[in-house]
Amino acid sequence: MEHCDIAAIEALLRRHGFHFSKSMGQNFLIDASIPAAIAEASEAGEGNGVLEIGPGIGALSHELCRRAGRVVAVELDKALLPILDETMANFDNFEVVSADILKTDIPALVREKLAGLTPIVCANLPYYITSPILMALLESRLPVTGITVMVQKEAAARMMARVGEAQYCLLAATIAYCAHCESLMDVPPGAFSVYMQYHTAPRLLFEVGRECFQPQPKVTSAVLRAEVRKTPPVAVEDEKFFFRVVYAAFALRRKTIVNSLMTGFGSQLTKEQVTEAVVSAGLAPTVRGEKLGLEEFARLTRALSERLPA
């Protein structure tokens, strides 16, 4: 079937009794040029094993299978499984795994399903959990060079936002699922921009209009490729502590860096000690978290670490 033909899609869904789920943010592509362009941008080749998340009815999967050695797609909605069995029947290099990606041992999945291939990630991500998925992928330390995803345009802007830009501090609070942690972590507004730029070099490839989907979403989409850094752009001794500082710096919007840091370190340091750390890092005590870049956060991390009790 034509994976992006409206009439064919509607007939397929009726045949399987499928109904769109708003809670899962389901919107299927109806412009065939888009999945082809995304797959091409992923640079998938015969030596690659692709991890896809949220394959839908297989529009992007189809294009990836034409290029890659193998495609493993993780799908949460069980109602889509028989549909994918039908639409992807002609590809012996495709496998769908029925699972929640946020509850999946991603490294184990890649080792088992994509053995012998160079893994890459390419997906039309569910917009309502874009940030948790990306953070789970990065926390899993997959040996990938790039992550190519379609996301909400505003989310793409936040990932690429620079110091002082509005998007740098306006990311809605999300829950980051850490693959190797026992608990969930709250990611404050703005911290995700720093997180993505520490781990990757993201760049916007192209925008995708609402008319390219069925049903039409209320937002414009964008395709982004994040080159995964082999080495972070700044040197930090304790990465976990570095992000603890970053999260604390964004904990209180419109507050000074000293007041924000007190929310995360007030039980260990006095306000005077926090102020000393800020000044020794070459920062003004009145500066706000959204005005700091990676290098400033690295200096601040070192200064705070030196003042923590043994």
Protein backbone atom coordinates (compact mmCIF):
# COMPACT_ATOMS: atom_id res chain seq x y z
CA MET A 1 0.00 0.00 0.00
CA GLU A 2 0.96 3.64 -0.32
CA HIS A 3 1.90 4.53 3.26
CA CYS A 4 1.04 8.22 2.91
CA ASP A 5 -2.08 8.08 0.74
CA ILE A 6 -5.07 9.37 2.71
CA ALA A 7 -7.59 7.01 1.13
CA ALA A 8 -5.32 3.99 1.65
CA ILE A 9 -4.63 4.98 5.25
CA GLU A 10 -8.32 5.43 6.04
CA ALA A 11 -9.18 2.05 4.47
CA LEU A 12 -6.35 0.39 6.41
CA LEU A 13 -7.47 1.86 9.72
CA ARG A 14 -11.13 0.94 9.11
CA ARG A 15 -10.13 -2.60 8.26
CA HIS A 16 -8.35 -2.94 11.59
CA GLY A 17 -10.89 -0.96 13.60
CA PHE A 18 -8.20 1.53 14.62
CA HIS A 19 -9.01 4.86 16.26
CA PHE A 20 -6.54 7.69 16.81
CA SER A 21 -5.44 8.25 20.39
CA LYS A 22 -5.07 11.87 21.44
CA SER A 23 -3.35 10.77 24.66
CA MET A 24 -0.59 9.19 22.56
CA GLY A 25 -0.32 12.16 20.23
CA GLN A 26 -0.95 10.08 17.11
CA ASN A 27 -0.71 11.95 13.80
CA PHE A 28 0.23 10.00 10.66
CA LEU A 29 2.19 11.49 7.76
CA ILE A 30 0.30 11.91 4.47
CA ASP A 31 3.09 13.58 2.48
CA ALA A 32 5.39 10.86 1.15
CA SER A 33 8.28 13.26 0.66
CA ILE A 34 8.63 13.82 4.41
CA PRO A 35 9.49 10.28 5.62
CA ALA A 36 11.80 9.92 2.62
CA ALA A 37 13.58 13.16 3.56
CA ILE A 38 13.87 12.15 7.23
CA ALA A 39 15.29 8.73 6.35
CA GLU A 40 17.78 10.33 3.96
CA ALA A 41 18.83 12.84 6.63
CA SER A 42 19.51 9.98 9.05
CA GLU A 43 22.31 8.81 6.72
CA ALA A 44 21.15 5.21 7.22
CA GLY A 45 23.02 2.67 5.13
CA GLU A 46 23.37 -1.10 4.82
CA GLY A 47 25.84 -1.17 7.70
CA ASN A 48 23.42 0.58 10.06
CA GLY A 49 20.86 -0.80 12.47
CA VAL A 50 18.13 1.76 13.11
CA LEU A 51 16.27 2.19 16.37
CA GLU A 52 12.91 3.76 15.57
CA ILE A 53 10.47 4.93 18.24
CA GLY A 54 6.75 5.22 17.56
CA PRO A 55 6.54 3.84 13.99
CA GLY A 56 2.81 4.47 13.61
CA ILE A 57 1.65 2.64 10.48
CA GLY A 58 5.17 2.41 9.08
CA ALA A 59 5.62 5.40 6.76
CA LEU A 60 9.10 6.23 8.07
CA SER A 61 9.86 2.56 8.74
CA HIS A 62 9.30 1.81 5.05
CA GLU A 63 11.89 4.39 3.98
CA LEU A 64 14.39 3.32 6.64
CA CYS A 65 14.13 -0.34 5.64
CA ARG A 66 14.94 0.59 2.05
CA ARG A 67 18.24 2.08 3.24
CA ALA A 68 19.38 0.34 6.44
CA GLY A 69 20.55 -3.16 7.20
CA ARG A 70 17.93 -3.58 9.90
CA VAL A 71 15.21 -1.51 11.59
CA VAL A 72 13.86 -2.21 15.07
CA ALA A 73 10.82 -0.14 15.98
CA VAL A 74 9.49 0.24 19.52
CA GLU A 75 5.72 0.76 19.60
CA LEU A 76 3.61 1.35 22.71
CA ASP A 77 0.14 1.08 21.10
CA LYS A 78 -0.71 -2.61 20.74
CA ALA A 79 -3.52 -1.72 18.33
CA LEU A 80 -0.90 -0.75 15.76
CA LEU A 81 0.91 -4.10 15.82
CA PRO A 82 -1.38 -5.96 13.36
CA ILE A 83 -1.35 -2.89 11.12
CA LEU A 84 2.45 -2.90 11.04
CA ASP A 85 2.41 -6.64 10.34
CA GLU A 86 0.45 -5.82 7.20
CA THR A 87 2.19 -2.63 6.04
CA MET A 88 5.73 -3.93 6.65
CA ALA A 89 5.17 -7.51 5.44
CA ASN A 90 7.49 -7.08 2.45
CA PHE A 91 10.52 -6.20 4.58
CA ASP A 92 12.49 -8.99 6.24
CA ASN A 93 14.81 -6.45 7.87
CA PHE A 94 12.06 -4.95 10.03
CA GLU A 95 10.98 -5.94 13.52
CA VAL A 96 8.53 -4.23 15.85
CA VAL A 97 8.93 -4.52 19.61
CA SER A 98 5.81 -3.97 21.69
CA ALA A 99 7.09 -1.89 24.60
CA ASP A 100 7.26 1.48 26.32
CA ILE A 101 10.61 3.00 25.32
CA LEU A 102 10.81 4.76 28.70
CA LYS A 103 10.64 1.41 30.47
CA THR A 104 12.96 -0.41 28.10
CA ASP A 105 16.58 -1.37 28.67
CA ILE A 106 17.70 0.45 25.54
CA PRO A 107 21.34 -0.75 25.47
CA ALA A 108 20.21 -4.38 25.90
CA LEU A 109 17.64 -3.96 23.12
CA VAL A 110 20.26 -2.56 20.74
CA ARG A 111 22.79 -5.28 21.62
CA GLU A 112 20.23 -8.01 21.04
CA LYS A 113 18.44 -6.72 17.95
CA LEU A 114 21.12 -4.73 16.11
CA ALA A 115 24.21 -6.85 16.76
CA GLY A 116 26.94 -6.45 14.15
CA LEU A 117 25.52 -3.16 12.86
CA THR A 118 26.34 0.45 13.65
CA PRO A 119 23.28 1.77 15.54
CA ILE A 120 21.59 5.07 14.74
CA VAL A 121 18.32 6.57 15.96
CA CYS A 122 15.67 7.91 13.62
CA ALA A 123 12.08 8.59 14.66
CA ASN A 124 8.96 10.69 14.47
CA LEU A 125 8.79 11.13 18.23
CA PRO A 126 5.55 11.40 20.20
CA TYR A 127 5.52 15.14 20.94
CA TYR A 128 4.15 14.83 24.47
CA ILE A 129 7.22 12.89 25.66
CA THR A 130 9.96 14.20 23.37
CA SER A 131 12.27 15.38 26.17
CA PRO A 132 12.09 12.19 28.29
CA ILE A 133 12.79 10.01 25.25
CA LEU A 134 15.80 12.02 24.12
CA MET A 135 17.23 12.08 27.62
CA ALA A 136 16.69 8.34 27.99
CA LEU A 137 18.55 7.77 24.72
CA LEU A 138 21.46 9.97 25.77
CA GLU A 139 21.62 8.51 29.27
CA SER A 140 21.79 5.03 27.77
CA ARG A 141 25.17 5.90 26.19
CA LEU A 142 24.40 4.16 22.91
CA PRO A 143 27.36 4.07 20.50
CA VAL A 144 25.50 6.26 18.00
CA THR A 145 26.87 9.18 16.04
CA GLY A 146 23.55 10.85 15.33
CA ILE A 147 19.92 11.07 16.38
CA THR A 148 17.52 12.25 13.66
CA VAL A 149 14.02 13.05 14.89
CA MET A 150 10.88 14.93 14.00
CA VAL A 151 9.62 16.95 16.95
CA GLN A 152 7.42 19.93 17.67
CA LYS A 153 9.02 23.07 16.22
CA GLU A 154 9.11 24.75 19.63
CA ALA A 155 10.93 21.76 21.13
CA ALA A 156 13.55 21.94 18.37
CA ALA A 157 14.06 25.63 19.12
CA ARG A 158 14.64 24.86 22.80
CA MET A 159 17.23 22.22 22.00
CA MET A 160 19.22 24.68 19.92
CA ALA A 161 18.60 27.79 22.03
CA ARG A 162 21.65 29.83 22.98
CA VAL A 163 22.38 31.77 26.12
CA GLY A 164 20.01 34.70 26.52
CA GLU A 165 17.46 33.53 23.95
CA ALA A 166 13.86 33.21 25.14
CA GLN A 167 13.68 29.48 24.42
CA TYR A 168 16.72 28.88 26.61
CA CYS A 169 14.58 29.35 29.70
CA LEU A 170 11.04 28.53 28.57
CA LEU A 171 11.08 24.74 28.32
CA ALA A 172 8.06 23.36 30.15
CA ALA A 173 9.06 21.18 33.08
CA THR A 174 9.38 17.55 32.02
CA ILE A 175 10.19 14.28 33.69
CA ALA A 176 13.45 12.75 32.53
CA TYR A 177 13.60 9.02 32.76
CA CYS A 178 17.20 7.97 33.37
CA ALA A 179 17.91 4.48 32.12
CA HIS A 180 20.52 3.77 34.80
CA CYS A 181 18.93 5.62 37.72
CA GLU A 182 16.48 4.29 40.25
CA SER A 183 14.38 7.43 40.43
CA LEU A 184 12.81 10.01 38.17
CA MET A 185 14.34 13.47 37.97
CA ASP A 186 12.51 16.74 37.50
CA VAL A 187 14.14 18.81 34.79
CA PRO A 188 13.53 22.51 35.50
CA PRO A 189 12.68 25.02 32.76
CA GLY A 190 15.73 25.79 30.65
CA ALA A 191 17.90 22.91 31.84
CA PHE A 192 17.05 20.79 28.79
CA SER A 193 18.77 23.28 26.46
CA VAL A 194 21.98 22.89 28.44
CA TYR A 195 21.56 19.11 28.63
CA MET A 196 21.16 18.68 24.86
CA GLN A 197 24.06 20.96 23.99
CA TYR A 198 26.36 19.23 26.48
CA HIS A 199 25.69 15.84 24.90
CA THR A 200 25.01 16.78 21.26
CA ALA A 201 25.44 19.39 18.54
CA PRO A 202 21.84 19.82 17.35
CA ARG A 203 20.91 21.42 14.04
CA LEU A 204 17.56 22.10 12.41
CA LEU A 205 17.14 20.44 9.01
CA PHE A 206 13.66 21.50 7.87
CA GLU A 207 10.16 22.31 9.05
CA VAL A 208 7.06 20.21 8.41
CA GLY A 209 3.66 21.89 8.11
CA ARG A 210 0.48 20.74 9.82
CA GLU A 211 -1.07 19.85 6.45
CA CYS A 212 1.38 16.95 6.13
CA PHE A 213 -0.43 14.96 8.84
CA GLN A 214 -3.72 13.17 9.38
CA PRO A 215 -5.30 14.23 11.65
CA GLN A 216 -3.72 17.67 11.53
CA PRO A 217 -1.89 18.65 14.73
CA LYS A 218 -2.20 22.14 16.17
CA VAL A 219 1.54 22.78 15.90
CA THR A 220 4.23 22.99 13.25
CA SER A 221 6.84 20.26 13.29
CA ALA A 222 10.56 20.26 12.61
CA VAL A 223 13.18 17.66 11.76
CA LEU A 224 16.34 17.91 13.79
CA ARG A 225 19.60 16.00 13.71
CA ALA A 226 21.66 15.87 16.88
CA GLU A 227 25.25 14.80 16.39
CA VAL A 228 26.24 12.95 19.54
CA ARG A 229 29.47 14.34 20.94
CA LYS A 230 32.32 11.91 21.61
CA THR A 231 33.72 14.40 24.10
CA PRO A 232 31.64 17.07 25.91
CA PRO A 233 32.50 20.68 24.95
CA VAL A 234 33.51 21.43 28.55
CA ALA A 235 35.54 19.38 31.01
CA VAL A 236 33.81 18.42 34.26
CA GLU A 237 35.05 15.98 36.88
CA ASP A 238 31.61 14.81 38.00
CA GLU A 239 28.93 14.90 35.31
CA LYS A 240 26.14 14.05 37.72
CA PHE A 241 27.12 16.93 39.98
CA PHE A 242 27.41 19.24 36.95
CA PHE A 243 23.78 18.62 36.02
CA ARG A 244 22.74 18.96 39.64
CA VAL A 245 24.14 22.50 39.46
CA VAL A 246 22.43 23.15 36.11
CA TYR A 247 19.05 21.95 37.37
CA ALA A 248 19.36 24.03 40.54
CA ALA A 249 20.28 27.12 38.50
CA PHE A 250 17.00 26.87 36.58
CA ALA A 251 14.87 25.83 39.56
CA LEU A 252 13.48 29.31 40.23
CA ARG A 253 12.58 31.36 37.19
CA ARG A 254 13.40 35.06 37.33
CA LYS A 255 15.52 34.56 40.46
CA THR A 256 19.22 35.27 40.83
CA ILE A 257 21.70 32.43 40.53
CA VAL A 258 22.44 32.57 44.26
CA ASN A 259 18.80 32.21 45.27
CA SER A 260 18.24 29.44 42.73
CA LEU A 261 21.29 27.50 43.88
CA MET A 262 20.12 27.68 47.47
CA THR A 263 17.17 25.46 46.52
CA GLY A 264 19.58 22.69 45.61
CA PHE A 265 22.43 23.28 48.01
CA GLY A 266 20.88 25.12 50.95
CA SER A 267 21.13 22.04 53.15
CA GLN A 268 24.88 21.79 52.56
CA LEU A 269 26.06 25.36 52.06
CA THR A 270 25.23 28.74 53.54
CA LYS A 271 24.11 31.57 51.32
CA GLU A 272 27.46 33.25 51.94
CA GLN A 273 29.31 30.15 50.70
CA VAL A 274 27.13 29.93 47.60
CA THR A 275 27.75 33.61 46.89
CA GLU A 276 31.50 33.07 47.29
CA ALA A 277 31.36 30.19 44.82
CA VAL A 278 29.47 32.28 42.27
CA VAL A 279 31.95 35.15 42.54
CA SER A 280 34.98 32.83 42.38
CA ALA A 281 33.54 31.40 39.16
CA GLY A 282 33.70 34.89 37.68
CA LEU A 283 29.97 35.52 37.84
CA ALA A 284 27.87 38.28 39.33
CA PRO A 285 25.66 37.13 42.23
CA THR A 286 22.71 38.83 40.54
CA VAL A 287 23.01 36.93 37.25
CA ARG A 288 20.24 34.46 36.32
CA GLY A 289 20.65 30.86 35.23
CA GLU A 290 19.45 31.49 31.68
CA LYS A 291 22.40 33.82 31.13
CA LEU A 292 24.97 31.08 31.73
CA GLY A 293 26.53 28.90 29.08
CA LEU A 294 28.27 25.55 29.39
CA GLU A 295 31.64 27.06 30.30
CA GLU A 296 30.12 29.22 33.06
CA PHE A 297 28.29 26.21 34.46
CA ALA A 298 31.51 24.19 34.43
CA ARG A 299 33.33 26.90 36.42
CA LEU A 300 30.44 27.20 38.83
CA THR A 301 30.38 23.44 39.33
CA ARG A 302 34.04 23.41 40.28
CA ALA A 303 33.59 26.33 42.68
CA LEU A 304 30.63 24.74 44.45
CA SER A 305 32.33 21.36 44.64
CA GLU A 306 35.32 22.89 46.41
CA ARG A 307 33.05 24.30 49.13
CA LEU A 308 30.95 21.23 49.86
CA PRO A 309 31.66 19.53 53.18
CA ALA A 310 33.73 16.36 52.90
